[in-house]
Structure formats: structure tokens, C-alpha cells
Amino acid sequence: METTFKTRYEYCHIFDDDLVITPTFEIGDVVEDYTKSVNNVFKTLMVFFVFIPVFTALSVFFYNMEMPGLSIYAGSFAFFFLAVAFYTMLFTSGTPVIKKESIYRIRVQKLLFNDVLVIIYKEAGRYKRRSLVLEKDHINEVTELLLSEKLITDKDLNHKAGLLATLPFAMPVIFFYPSFVECITKLINKKSK
């Protein structure tokens, strides 16, 4: 028996033993789908690896210009992109087939501006997560389907964006904003003299 639902970018097919995630409604070549997913992950990582040296160079530049606040600010962004790149490599996966027995938890939660179906499962000895962005008009339909398939419970539905969901994106701004403002003020005062 197969049940299928659409997310914003992919389709999720629920079988008796597996979840199969494909880019099209038809289940085609799973190896080809996995190859496309891996390619997308590497494209994302390339973006991170481009920004890491850019922000590192900015950090060194500001340090040499005797602007420690801006140096720390730029360095924090370099560290943030490095941390996200390692997290992406180690704990996310583009695998199209997830065994139901390996699923630890499935949650529906709000992350930033989207409702996301988060599948946490164990693969190769570590927990990984696969996130599927849901369409706004399909949220109720998807949650009802997952509840009927007994893949989630009511406690797995969290439509409020928690602080922890947005904190990693805001951390560099929260911690280094005062230093940033101070350095910009000093720079403006230097130029006006």
C-alpha cells in the first residue's frame, strides 16, 4: 500500500516499511534521485565554502585596520558558515529511501518562514535529519495523513517558531552588533575629522 503527499519541492511516498522521497510524483530511478540530492548538497556546501574565506579575509582586513569589533563580527560569520557546512555534511542527508524502523521521530514545525516536516532517523550509526518544506495550503492535509499513518502524534506538531529555531541565524548579529555599531561610529568620526 502506498500513500503519497506533496511538499514544496518533493513528493513523499509512504510504504509499509519505507518512506521514499522523490522529486516527481512517479517513483523513478532511486539512484538517480539520490545522485541529484547529493549534487544539491554539494552545491549548497560550495556556497558555504565560498563565504568562509570571504569573511575570514574581511576579518583579517578589519583587524589590520585596527577595528577589532568589525574583525570579530566578520570572523563570527566565517565561523557560522563553517559550522553550518560541517552540520550539513555530518547530520543531513539526501537519501531518498528511509526505513521506517530507523525513524527516531517525525515532527512538523515552523522554522523561520516555513512549516517543515523534519524526519530524524538513524543511518550509519548516527542520527540524521531530512527536512521537507510544506506548502501552506497542504499543512493540514499532510498532518492528518501522518497522524492516520501513525508516523506522528499530536505532540509532534509545533507550529510556533521557537527561539532555538531562529537563534543560529541571529547569533552573529546578537552577540556582535554592539561592536559593529561602535566600529562604524568610529569609522564615520575618523572620516569627518
N, C-alpha and C. Protein backbone atom coordinates (compact mmCIF):
# COMPACT_ATOMS: atom_id res chain seq x y z
N MET A 1 0.84 -1.18 0.00
CA MET A 1 0.00 0.00 0.00
C MET A 1 0.89 1.25 0.00
N GLU A 2 0.54 2.19 -0.84
CA GLU A 2 1.34 3.42 -0.95
C GLU A 2 0.43 4.62 -0.76
N THR A 3 0.92 5.58 0.03
CA THR A 3 0.26 6.87 0.19
C THR A 3 1.28 7.92 -0.19
N THR A 4 0.87 8.93 -0.94
CA THR A 4 1.80 9.95 -1.41
C THR A 4 1.27 11.33 -1.06
N PHE A 5 2.18 12.21 -0.62
CA PHE A 5 1.80 13.61 -0.43
C PHE A 5 2.90 14.49 -0.99
N LYS A 6 2.49 15.71 -1.36
CA LYS A 6 3.41 16.65 -1.99
C LYS A 6 3.92 17.65 -0.97
N THR A 7 5.21 17.91 -1.00
CA THR A 7 5.79 19.02 -0.24
C THR A 7 6.13 20.09 -1.28
N ARG A 8 6.76 21.16 -0.86
CA ARG A 8 7.01 22.26 -1.81
C ARG A 8 7.91 21.81 -2.96
N TYR A 9 8.93 21.01 -2.67
CA TYR A 9 9.91 20.67 -3.70
C TYR A 9 9.94 19.18 -4.05
N GLU A 10 9.32 18.34 -3.22
CA GLU A 10 9.43 16.90 -3.42
C GLU A 10 8.12 16.21 -3.09
N TYR A 11 8.08 14.91 -3.40
CA TYR A 11 6.95 14.07 -3.04
C TYR A 11 7.44 13.04 -2.03
N CYS A 12 6.61 12.72 -1.06
CA CYS A 12 6.94 11.69 -0.07
C CYS A 12 5.96 10.55 -0.23
N HIS A 13 6.50 9.37 -0.51
CA HIS A 13 5.70 8.16 -0.70
C HIS A 13 5.84 7.32 0.56
N ILE A 14 4.72 6.96 1.16
CA ILE A 14 4.74 6.17 2.39
C ILE A 14 4.34 4.73 2.03
N PHE A 15 5.27 3.82 2.27
CA PHE A 15 5.01 2.39 2.08
C PHE A 15 4.94 1.72 3.44
N ASP A 16 4.71 0.41 3.46
CA ASP A 16 4.62 -0.31 4.72
C ASP A 16 5.91 -0.24 5.52
N ASP A 17 7.07 -0.34 4.84
CA ASP A 17 8.36 -0.38 5.54
C ASP A 17 9.25 0.83 5.29
N ASP A 18 8.94 1.62 4.28
CA ASP A 18 9.84 2.70 3.86
C ASP A 18 9.10 4.01 3.62
N LEU A 19 9.87 5.09 3.70
CA LEU A 19 9.47 6.39 3.16
C LEU A 19 10.38 6.63 1.97
N VAL A 20 9.82 6.97 0.83
CA VAL A 20 10.61 7.24 -0.37
C VAL A 20 10.33 8.69 -0.77
N ILE A 21 11.40 9.48 -0.88
CA ILE A 21 11.28 10.89 -1.22
C ILE A 21 11.84 11.08 -2.62
N THR A 22 10.99 11.60 -3.52
CA THR A 22 11.38 11.76 -4.92
C THR A 22 11.04 13.17 -5.40
N PRO A 23 11.73 13.64 -6.44
CA PRO A 23 11.42 14.97 -6.97
C PRO A 23 10.16 15.00 -7.84
N THR A 24 9.67 13.83 -8.28
CA THR A 24 8.48 13.76 -9.11
C THR A 24 7.45 12.84 -8.46
N PHE A 25 6.24 12.92 -8.95
CA PHE A 25 5.17 12.08 -8.40
C PHE A 25 5.44 10.61 -8.64
N GLU A 26 6.01 10.29 -9.79
CA GLU A 26 6.34 8.90 -10.10
C GLU A 26 7.66 8.53 -9.43
N ILE A 27 7.71 7.31 -8.92
CA ILE A 27 8.97 6.83 -8.35
C ILE A 27 9.79 6.29 -9.51
N GLY A 28 10.85 7.02 -9.83
CA GLY A 28 11.70 6.62 -10.95
C GLY A 28 12.92 5.87 -10.45
N ASP A 29 14.03 6.25 -10.97
CA ASP A 29 15.30 5.64 -10.60
C ASP A 29 15.78 6.25 -9.28
N VAL A 30 15.74 5.48 -8.21
CA VAL A 30 16.09 5.97 -6.88
C VAL A 30 17.57 6.38 -6.83
N VAL A 31 18.41 5.66 -7.56
CA VAL A 31 19.84 6.00 -7.58
C VAL A 31 20.03 7.37 -8.24
N GLU A 32 19.29 7.64 -9.30
CA GLU A 32 19.38 8.94 -9.97
C GLU A 32 18.87 10.05 -9.04
N ASP A 33 17.78 9.77 -8.32
CA ASP A 33 17.25 10.76 -7.36
C ASP A 33 18.27 11.05 -6.27
N TYR A 34 18.94 10.00 -5.78
CA TYR A 34 19.95 10.19 -4.74
C TYR A 34 21.13 11.00 -5.28
N THR A 35 21.51 10.74 -6.53
CA THR A 35 22.60 11.50 -7.15
C THR A 35 22.25 12.98 -7.24
N LYS A 36 21.01 13.28 -7.63
CA LYS A 36 20.57 14.68 -7.70
C LYS A 36 20.60 15.31 -6.31
N SER A 37 20.16 14.58 -5.29
CA SER A 37 20.16 15.12 -3.93
C SER A 37 21.58 15.40 -3.45
N VAL A 38 22.49 14.49 -3.72
CA VAL A 38 23.88 14.68 -3.32
C VAL A 38 24.48 15.89 -4.06
N ASN A 39 24.15 16.02 -5.34
CA ASN A 39 24.63 17.18 -6.10
C ASN A 39 24.11 18.48 -5.50
N ASN A 40 22.85 18.49 -5.08
CA ASN A 40 22.29 19.70 -4.46
C ASN A 40 22.98 20.01 -3.14
N VAL A 41 23.30 18.97 -2.35
CA VAL A 41 24.01 19.19 -1.09
C VAL A 41 25.39 19.79 -1.37
N PHE A 42 26.09 19.28 -2.39
CA PHE A 42 27.41 19.82 -2.71
C PHE A 42 27.33 21.25 -3.23
N LYS A 43 26.28 21.58 -3.97
CA LYS A 43 26.11 22.97 -4.41
C LYS A 43 25.92 23.89 -3.21
N THR A 44 25.13 23.43 -2.24
CA THR A 44 24.93 24.21 -1.01
C THR A 44 26.23 24.38 -0.26
N LEU A 45 27.00 23.30 -0.15
CA LEU A 45 28.29 23.37 0.54
C LEU A 45 29.25 24.32 -0.17
N MET A 46 29.20 24.36 -1.48
CA MET A 46 30.08 25.26 -2.22
C MET A 46 29.79 26.71 -1.87
N VAL A 47 28.51 27.04 -1.67
CA VAL A 47 28.16 28.40 -1.27
C VAL A 47 28.79 28.71 0.09
N PHE A 48 28.68 27.76 1.03
CA PHE A 48 29.28 27.97 2.34
C PHE A 48 30.79 28.13 2.23
N PHE A 49 31.43 27.29 1.42
CA PHE A 49 32.88 27.33 1.32
C PHE A 49 33.38 28.55 0.55
N VAL A 50 32.53 29.22 -0.19
CA VAL A 50 32.90 30.48 -0.81
C VAL A 50 32.87 31.60 0.23
N PHE A 51 31.86 31.60 1.09
CA PHE A 51 31.73 32.68 2.07
C PHE A 51 32.73 32.58 3.22
N ILE A 52 33.20 31.39 3.55
CA ILE A 52 34.14 31.24 4.66
C ILE A 52 35.43 32.05 4.41
N PRO A 53 36.11 31.89 3.26
CA PRO A 53 37.32 32.70 3.06
C PRO A 53 37.03 34.19 2.88
N VAL A 54 35.85 34.53 2.34
CA VAL A 54 35.50 35.94 2.18
C VAL A 54 35.42 36.62 3.54
N PHE A 55 34.67 36.00 4.46
CA PHE A 55 34.53 36.61 5.79
C PHE A 55 35.82 36.51 6.60
N THR A 56 36.62 35.47 6.36
CA THR A 56 37.93 35.38 7.03
C THR A 56 38.84 36.50 6.56
N ALA A 57 38.86 36.75 5.26
CA ALA A 57 39.67 37.85 4.71
C ALA A 57 39.19 39.20 5.25
N LEU A 58 37.88 39.38 5.33
CA LEU A 58 37.35 40.62 5.91
C LEU A 58 37.76 40.78 7.36
N SER A 59 37.76 39.67 8.09
CA SER A 59 38.16 39.71 9.49
C SER A 59 39.62 40.14 9.63
N VAL A 60 40.49 39.58 8.81
CA VAL A 60 41.92 39.96 8.83
C VAL A 60 42.09 41.41 8.41
N PHE A 61 41.36 41.84 7.38
CA PHE A 61 41.44 43.22 6.92
C PHE A 61 41.04 44.19 8.03
N PHE A 62 39.91 43.92 8.68
CA PHE A 62 39.46 44.82 9.75
C PHE A 62 40.42 44.79 10.94
N TYR A 63 41.01 43.63 11.21
CA TYR A 63 41.98 43.54 12.30
C TYR A 63 43.19 44.41 11.99
N ASN A 64 43.68 44.36 10.76
CA ASN A 64 44.83 45.18 10.36
C ASN A 64 44.49 46.67 10.32
N MET A 65 43.23 47.00 10.12
CA MET A 65 42.79 48.39 10.13
C MET A 65 42.48 48.87 11.56
N GLU A 66 42.82 48.04 12.55
CA GLU A 66 42.60 48.32 13.97
C GLU A 66 41.13 48.57 14.29
N MET A 67 40.30 47.70 13.75
CA MET A 67 38.86 47.70 14.03
C MET A 67 38.49 46.34 14.58
N PRO A 68 38.79 46.08 15.85
CA PRO A 68 38.58 44.74 16.39
C PRO A 68 37.12 44.30 16.40
N GLY A 69 36.20 45.25 16.58
CA GLY A 69 34.78 44.88 16.59
C GLY A 69 34.32 44.33 15.26
N LEU A 70 34.68 45.02 14.18
CA LEU A 70 34.32 44.53 12.85
C LEU A 70 35.06 43.24 12.51
N SER A 71 36.30 43.11 13.01
CA SER A 71 37.06 41.90 12.79
C SER A 71 36.36 40.70 13.45
N ILE A 72 35.93 40.89 14.66
CA ILE A 72 35.22 39.81 15.37
C ILE A 72 33.89 39.52 14.69
N TYR A 73 33.21 40.57 14.25
CA TYR A 73 31.92 40.42 13.57
C TYR A 73 32.08 39.59 12.30
N ALA A 74 33.06 39.93 11.46
CA ALA A 74 33.29 39.18 10.22
C ALA A 74 33.76 37.75 10.53
N GLY A 75 34.61 37.62 11.54
CA GLY A 75 35.08 36.29 11.93
C GLY A 75 33.95 35.40 12.42
N SER A 76 32.98 36.00 13.09
CA SER A 76 31.85 35.20 13.58
C SER A 76 31.02 34.65 12.42
N PHE A 77 30.90 35.43 11.34
CA PHE A 77 30.19 34.92 10.17
C PHE A 77 30.98 33.80 9.51
N ALA A 78 32.30 33.92 9.45
CA ALA A 78 33.12 32.84 8.89
C ALA A 78 32.94 31.56 9.70
N PHE A 79 32.96 31.70 11.03
CA PHE A 79 32.76 30.53 11.90
C PHE A 79 31.36 29.96 11.71
N PHE A 80 30.36 30.83 11.59
CA PHE A 80 28.98 30.37 11.40
C PHE A 80 28.86 29.54 10.12
N PHE A 81 29.41 30.03 8.99
CA PHE A 81 29.34 29.28 7.74
C PHE A 81 30.10 27.96 7.84
N LEU A 82 31.22 27.95 8.55
CA LEU A 82 31.97 26.71 8.74
C LEU A 82 31.17 25.70 9.56
N ALA A 83 30.53 26.16 10.64
CA ALA A 83 29.71 25.28 11.48
C ALA A 83 28.53 24.71 10.69
N VAL A 84 27.88 25.55 9.90
CA VAL A 84 26.74 25.08 9.10
C VAL A 84 27.20 24.08 8.04
N ALA A 85 28.35 24.31 7.45
CA ALA A 85 28.88 23.38 6.45
C ALA A 85 29.15 22.00 7.07
N PHE A 86 29.79 21.98 8.25
CA PHE A 86 30.04 20.70 8.92
C PHE A 86 28.74 20.03 9.35
N TYR A 87 27.79 20.80 9.83
CA TYR A 87 26.49 20.24 10.21
C TYR A 87 25.82 19.61 8.99
N THR A 88 25.87 20.29 7.87
CA THR A 88 25.26 19.79 6.64
C THR A 88 25.91 18.48 6.20
N MET A 89 27.24 18.43 6.29
CA MET A 89 27.95 17.22 5.86
C MET A 89 27.68 16.03 6.78
N LEU A 90 27.63 16.28 8.09
CA LEU A 90 27.54 15.17 9.03
C LEU A 90 26.13 14.72 9.37
N PHE A 91 25.19 15.66 9.44
CA PHE A 91 23.90 15.31 10.03
C PHE A 91 22.70 15.51 9.11
N THR A 92 22.92 15.86 7.87
CA THR A 92 21.81 15.90 6.93
C THR A 92 22.10 14.91 5.82
N SER A 93 21.07 14.55 5.15
CA SER A 93 21.27 13.54 4.12
C SER A 93 20.26 13.75 3.01
N GLY A 94 20.65 13.41 1.82
CA GLY A 94 19.75 13.50 0.70
C GLY A 94 19.20 12.15 0.30
N THR A 95 19.31 11.15 1.18
CA THR A 95 18.89 9.81 0.83
C THR A 95 17.40 9.77 0.49
N PRO A 96 17.04 9.12 -0.62
CA PRO A 96 15.63 9.09 -0.99
C PRO A 96 14.82 8.01 -0.28
N VAL A 97 15.48 7.02 0.32
CA VAL A 97 14.76 5.93 0.98
C VAL A 97 15.13 5.90 2.46
N ILE A 98 14.10 6.01 3.30
CA ILE A 98 14.30 5.96 4.76
C ILE A 98 13.47 4.80 5.29
N LYS A 99 14.14 3.87 5.94
CA LYS A 99 13.44 2.73 6.54
C LYS A 99 12.63 3.20 7.74
N LYS A 100 11.39 2.75 7.84
CA LYS A 100 10.53 3.16 8.96
C LYS A 100 11.12 2.73 10.29
N GLU A 101 11.79 1.59 10.32
CA GLU A 101 12.36 1.09 11.58
C GLU A 101 13.52 1.96 12.07
N SER A 102 14.14 2.73 11.17
CA SER A 102 15.25 3.58 11.57
C SER A 102 14.80 4.99 11.98
N ILE A 103 13.50 5.29 11.82
CA ILE A 103 12.99 6.62 12.15
C ILE A 103 12.92 6.78 13.66
N TYR A 104 13.55 7.82 14.15
CA TYR A 104 13.51 8.15 15.57
C TYR A 104 12.30 9.03 15.87
N ARG A 105 12.10 10.04 15.02
CA ARG A 105 10.99 10.96 15.26
C ARG A 105 10.70 11.74 13.98
N ILE A 106 9.42 12.06 13.81
CA ILE A 106 8.99 12.94 12.73
C ILE A 106 8.22 14.08 13.38
N ARG A 107 8.59 15.31 13.02
CA ARG A 107 7.92 16.48 13.58
C ARG A 107 7.49 17.43 12.47
N VAL A 108 6.41 18.15 12.73
CA VAL A 108 6.01 19.25 11.87
C VAL A 108 6.23 20.50 12.69
N GLN A 109 7.10 21.39 12.22
CA GLN A 109 7.40 22.58 12.99
C GLN A 109 7.60 23.78 12.09
N LYS A 110 7.55 24.95 12.67
CA LYS A 110 7.77 26.18 11.93
C LYS A 110 9.23 26.57 12.11
N LEU A 111 9.93 26.72 11.00
CA LEU A 111 11.32 27.18 11.01
C LEU A 111 11.39 28.43 10.15
N LEU A 112 11.75 29.53 10.77
CA LEU A 112 11.79 30.82 10.11
C LEU A 112 10.44 31.12 9.45
N PHE A 113 10.36 31.06 8.12
CA PHE A 113 9.14 31.46 7.43
C PHE A 113 8.34 30.29 6.89
N ASN A 114 8.78 29.07 7.10
CA ASN A 114 8.14 27.91 6.50
C ASN A 114 7.74 26.87 7.55
N ASP A 115 6.69 26.12 7.24
CA ASP A 115 6.37 24.92 8.00
C ASP A 115 7.15 23.78 7.38
N VAL A 116 7.83 23.01 8.23
CA VAL A 116 8.76 21.99 7.75
C VAL A 116 8.44 20.65 8.40
N LEU A 117 8.48 19.61 7.60
CA LEU A 117 8.38 18.25 8.10
C LEU A 117 9.81 17.77 8.33
N VAL A 118 10.17 17.49 9.58
CA VAL A 118 11.53 17.09 9.93
C VAL A 118 11.51 15.61 10.28
N ILE A 119 12.27 14.83 9.54
CA ILE A 119 12.38 13.39 9.77
C ILE A 119 13.76 13.13 10.37
N ILE A 120 13.79 12.64 11.61
CA ILE A 120 15.05 12.31 12.27
C ILE A 120 15.16 10.79 12.28
N TYR A 121 16.25 10.28 11.74
CA TYR A 121 16.41 8.83 11.62
C TYR A 121 17.88 8.47 11.83
N LYS A 122 18.10 7.20 12.08
CA LYS A 122 19.46 6.72 12.33
C LYS A 122 19.99 6.04 11.08
N GLU A 123 21.20 6.48 10.66
CA GLU A 123 21.84 5.89 9.49
C GLU A 123 23.34 5.85 9.75
N ALA A 124 23.93 4.71 9.51
CA ALA A 124 25.38 4.53 9.67
C ALA A 124 25.84 4.92 11.08
N GLY A 125 25.03 4.60 12.07
CA GLY A 125 25.43 4.81 13.46
C GLY A 125 25.23 6.22 14.01
N ARG A 126 24.68 7.13 13.24
CA ARG A 126 24.43 8.47 13.77
C ARG A 126 23.06 8.96 13.31
N TYR A 127 22.52 9.87 14.09
CA TYR A 127 21.21 10.43 13.76
C TYR A 127 21.36 11.49 12.68
N LYS A 128 20.50 11.40 11.69
CA LYS A 128 20.47 12.37 10.61
C LYS A 128 19.07 12.93 10.53
N ARG A 129 18.96 14.05 9.83
CA ARG A 129 17.64 14.64 9.66
C ARG A 129 17.42 14.98 8.20
N ARG A 130 16.21 14.82 7.80
CA ARG A 130 15.79 15.19 6.44
C ARG A 130 14.61 16.13 6.61
N SER A 131 14.69 17.30 6.03
CA SER A 131 13.64 18.31 6.17
C SER A 131 12.95 18.50 4.84
N LEU A 132 11.62 18.54 4.89
CA LEU A 132 10.81 18.77 3.71
C LEU A 132 9.95 20.00 3.96
N VAL A 133 10.06 21.00 3.12
CA VAL A 133 9.29 22.23 3.28
C VAL A 133 7.87 21.97 2.79
N LEU A 134 6.89 22.30 3.65
CA LEU A 134 5.49 22.06 3.31
C LEU A 134 4.85 23.28 2.67
N GLU A 135 3.92 23.04 1.76
CA GLU A 135 3.12 24.12 1.19
C GLU A 135 2.12 24.59 2.24
N LYS A 136 1.86 25.89 2.29
CA LYS A 136 0.96 26.44 3.30
C LYS A 136 -0.44 25.85 3.22
N ASP A 137 -0.93 25.60 2.01
CA ASP A 137 -2.28 25.08 1.87
C ASP A 137 -2.38 23.56 2.04
N HIS A 138 -1.24 22.88 2.23
CA HIS A 138 -1.26 21.42 2.42
C HIS A 138 -0.91 20.98 3.83
N ILE A 139 -0.69 21.92 4.75
CA ILE A 139 -0.22 21.55 6.09
C ILE A 139 -1.22 20.65 6.80
N ASN A 140 -2.49 21.04 6.80
CA ASN A 140 -3.50 20.23 7.49
C ASN A 140 -3.65 18.87 6.86
N GLU A 141 -3.64 18.82 5.54
CA GLU A 141 -3.76 17.55 4.83
C GLU A 141 -2.59 16.61 5.17
N VAL A 142 -1.38 17.15 5.17
CA VAL A 142 -0.19 16.33 5.47
C VAL A 142 -0.21 15.86 6.92
N THR A 143 -0.55 16.75 7.86
CA THR A 143 -0.56 16.34 9.27
C THR A 143 -1.63 15.28 9.52
N GLU A 144 -2.81 15.42 8.89
CA GLU A 144 -3.85 14.40 9.04
C GLU A 144 -3.37 13.05 8.49
N LEU A 145 -2.71 13.09 7.35
CA LEU A 145 -2.19 11.85 6.75
C LEU A 145 -1.16 11.20 7.66
N LEU A 146 -0.22 11.99 8.18
CA LEU A 146 0.82 11.45 9.06
C LEU A 146 0.23 10.92 10.37
N LEU A 147 -0.79 11.60 10.88
CA LEU A 147 -1.47 11.11 12.09
C LEU A 147 -2.19 9.80 11.81
N SER A 148 -2.84 9.70 10.66
CA SER A 148 -3.56 8.46 10.33
C SER A 148 -2.60 7.29 10.08
N GLU A 149 -1.42 7.59 9.56
CA GLU A 149 -0.40 6.54 9.33
C GLU A 149 0.37 6.21 10.61
N LYS A 150 0.07 6.93 11.69
CA LYS A 150 0.73 6.76 12.99
C LYS A 150 2.24 7.03 12.92
N LEU A 151 2.62 7.97 12.05
CA LEU A 151 4.02 8.37 11.96
C LEU A 151 4.32 9.52 12.91
N ILE A 152 3.30 10.29 13.28
CA ILE A 152 3.45 11.37 14.25
C ILE A 152 2.30 11.31 15.25
N THR A 153 2.48 12.02 16.35
CA THR A 153 1.41 12.20 17.34
C THR A 153 1.14 13.69 17.47
N ASP A 154 0.15 14.04 18.25
CA ASP A 154 -0.19 15.46 18.42
C ASP A 154 0.96 16.26 18.99
N LYS A 155 1.79 15.64 19.84
CA LYS A 155 2.91 16.38 20.44
C LYS A 155 4.02 16.69 19.42
N ASP A 156 3.98 16.03 18.26
CA ASP A 156 4.98 16.28 17.22
C ASP A 156 4.61 17.46 16.32
N LEU A 157 3.48 18.10 16.59
CA LEU A 157 3.05 19.25 15.80
C LEU A 157 3.41 20.51 16.56
N ASN A 158 4.27 21.31 16.00
CA ASN A 158 4.70 22.56 16.64
C ASN A 158 4.71 23.65 15.58
N HIS A 159 3.63 24.43 15.55
CA HIS A 159 3.51 25.46 14.52
C HIS A 159 4.02 26.81 14.99
N LYS A 160 4.66 26.86 16.14
CA LYS A 160 5.25 28.11 16.61
C LYS A 160 6.75 28.05 16.39
N ALA A 161 7.29 29.09 15.83
CA ALA A 161 8.74 29.13 15.63
C ALA A 161 9.39 29.41 16.97
N GLY A 162 10.13 28.47 17.45
CA GLY A 162 10.78 28.64 18.74
C GLY A 162 12.05 29.45 18.62
N LEU A 163 12.54 29.92 19.75
CA LEU A 163 13.77 30.69 19.79
C LEU A 163 14.94 29.87 19.27
N LEU A 164 14.96 28.59 19.61
CA LEU A 164 16.08 27.74 19.17
C LEU A 164 16.11 27.57 17.66
N ALA A 165 14.95 27.68 17.01
CA ALA A 165 14.92 27.52 15.56
C ALA A 165 15.54 28.70 14.85
N THR A 166 15.44 29.89 15.41
CA THR A 166 15.96 31.08 14.76
C THR A 166 17.28 31.55 15.35
N LEU A 167 17.67 31.04 16.50
CA LEU A 167 18.88 31.50 17.18
C LEU A 167 20.15 31.33 16.35
N PRO A 168 20.38 30.19 15.68
CA PRO A 168 21.64 30.07 14.93
C PRO A 168 21.81 31.14 13.86
N PHE A 169 20.70 31.57 13.26
CA PHE A 169 20.79 32.58 12.22
C PHE A 169 21.03 33.97 12.78
N ALA A 170 20.59 34.18 14.02
CA ALA A 170 20.69 35.51 14.62
C ALA A 170 21.91 35.66 15.52
N MET A 171 22.60 34.56 15.85
CA MET A 171 23.70 34.62 16.80
C MET A 171 24.79 35.63 16.46
N PRO A 172 25.30 35.65 15.22
CA PRO A 172 26.34 36.65 14.95
C PRO A 172 25.84 38.08 15.15
N VAL A 173 24.60 38.34 14.79
CA VAL A 173 24.05 39.68 14.95
C VAL A 173 23.83 40.01 16.42
N ILE A 174 23.30 39.08 17.18
CA ILE A 174 23.00 39.33 18.60
C ILE A 174 24.28 39.61 19.38
N PHE A 175 25.29 38.79 19.19
CA PHE A 175 26.49 38.91 20.02
C PHE A 175 27.44 40.03 19.59
N PHE A 176 27.47 40.33 18.30
CA PHE A 176 28.47 41.26 17.83
C PHE A 176 27.91 42.57 17.29
N TYR A 177 26.62 42.78 17.36
CA TYR A 177 26.02 44.02 16.87
C TYR A 177 26.55 45.25 17.60
N PRO A 178 26.67 45.24 18.94
CA PRO A 178 27.21 46.44 19.61
C PRO A 178 28.63 46.79 19.14
N SER A 179 29.49 45.80 18.94
CA SER A 179 30.85 46.06 18.44
C SER A 179 30.80 46.61 17.02
N PHE A 180 29.90 46.08 16.22
CA PHE A 180 29.74 46.53 14.85
C PHE A 180 29.34 48.01 14.81
N VAL A 181 28.35 48.38 15.61
CA VAL A 181 27.89 49.77 15.64
C VAL A 181 28.99 50.69 16.14
N GLU A 182 29.73 50.26 17.16
CA GLU A 182 30.83 51.06 17.71
C GLU A 182 31.90 51.31 16.65
N CYS A 183 32.27 50.28 15.90
CA CYS A 183 33.31 50.43 14.88
C CYS A 183 32.85 51.32 13.73
N ILE A 184 31.62 51.18 13.31
CA ILE A 184 31.09 52.03 12.24
C ILE A 184 31.07 53.49 12.71
N THR A 185 30.69 53.72 13.97
CA THR A 185 30.67 55.08 14.51
C THR A 185 32.08 55.66 14.53
N LYS A 186 33.07 54.86 14.95
CA LYS A 186 34.46 55.33 14.96
C LYS A 186 34.94 55.64 13.55
N LEU A 187 34.57 54.80 12.60
CA LEU A 187 34.98 55.00 11.22
C LEU A 187 34.39 56.29 10.66
N ILE A 188 33.13 56.54 10.96
CA ILE A 188 32.48 57.77 10.49
C ILE A 188 33.13 58.99 11.15
N ASN A 189 33.42 58.87 12.44
CA ASN A 189 34.06 60.00 13.15
C ASN A 189 35.46 60.28 12.60
N LYS A 190 36.22 59.25 12.22
CA LYS A 190 37.56 59.42 11.64
C LYS A 190 37.48 60.16 10.32
N LYS A 191 36.51 59.78 9.49
CA LYS A 191 36.38 60.38 8.18
C LYS A 191 35.90 61.83 8.26
N SER A 192 35.11 62.16 9.28
CA SER A 192 34.57 63.51 9.38
C SER A 192 35.60 64.50 9.94
N LYS A 193 36.68 64.01 10.55
CA LYS A 193 37.72 64.90 11.10
C LYS A 193 38.61 65.44 10.08
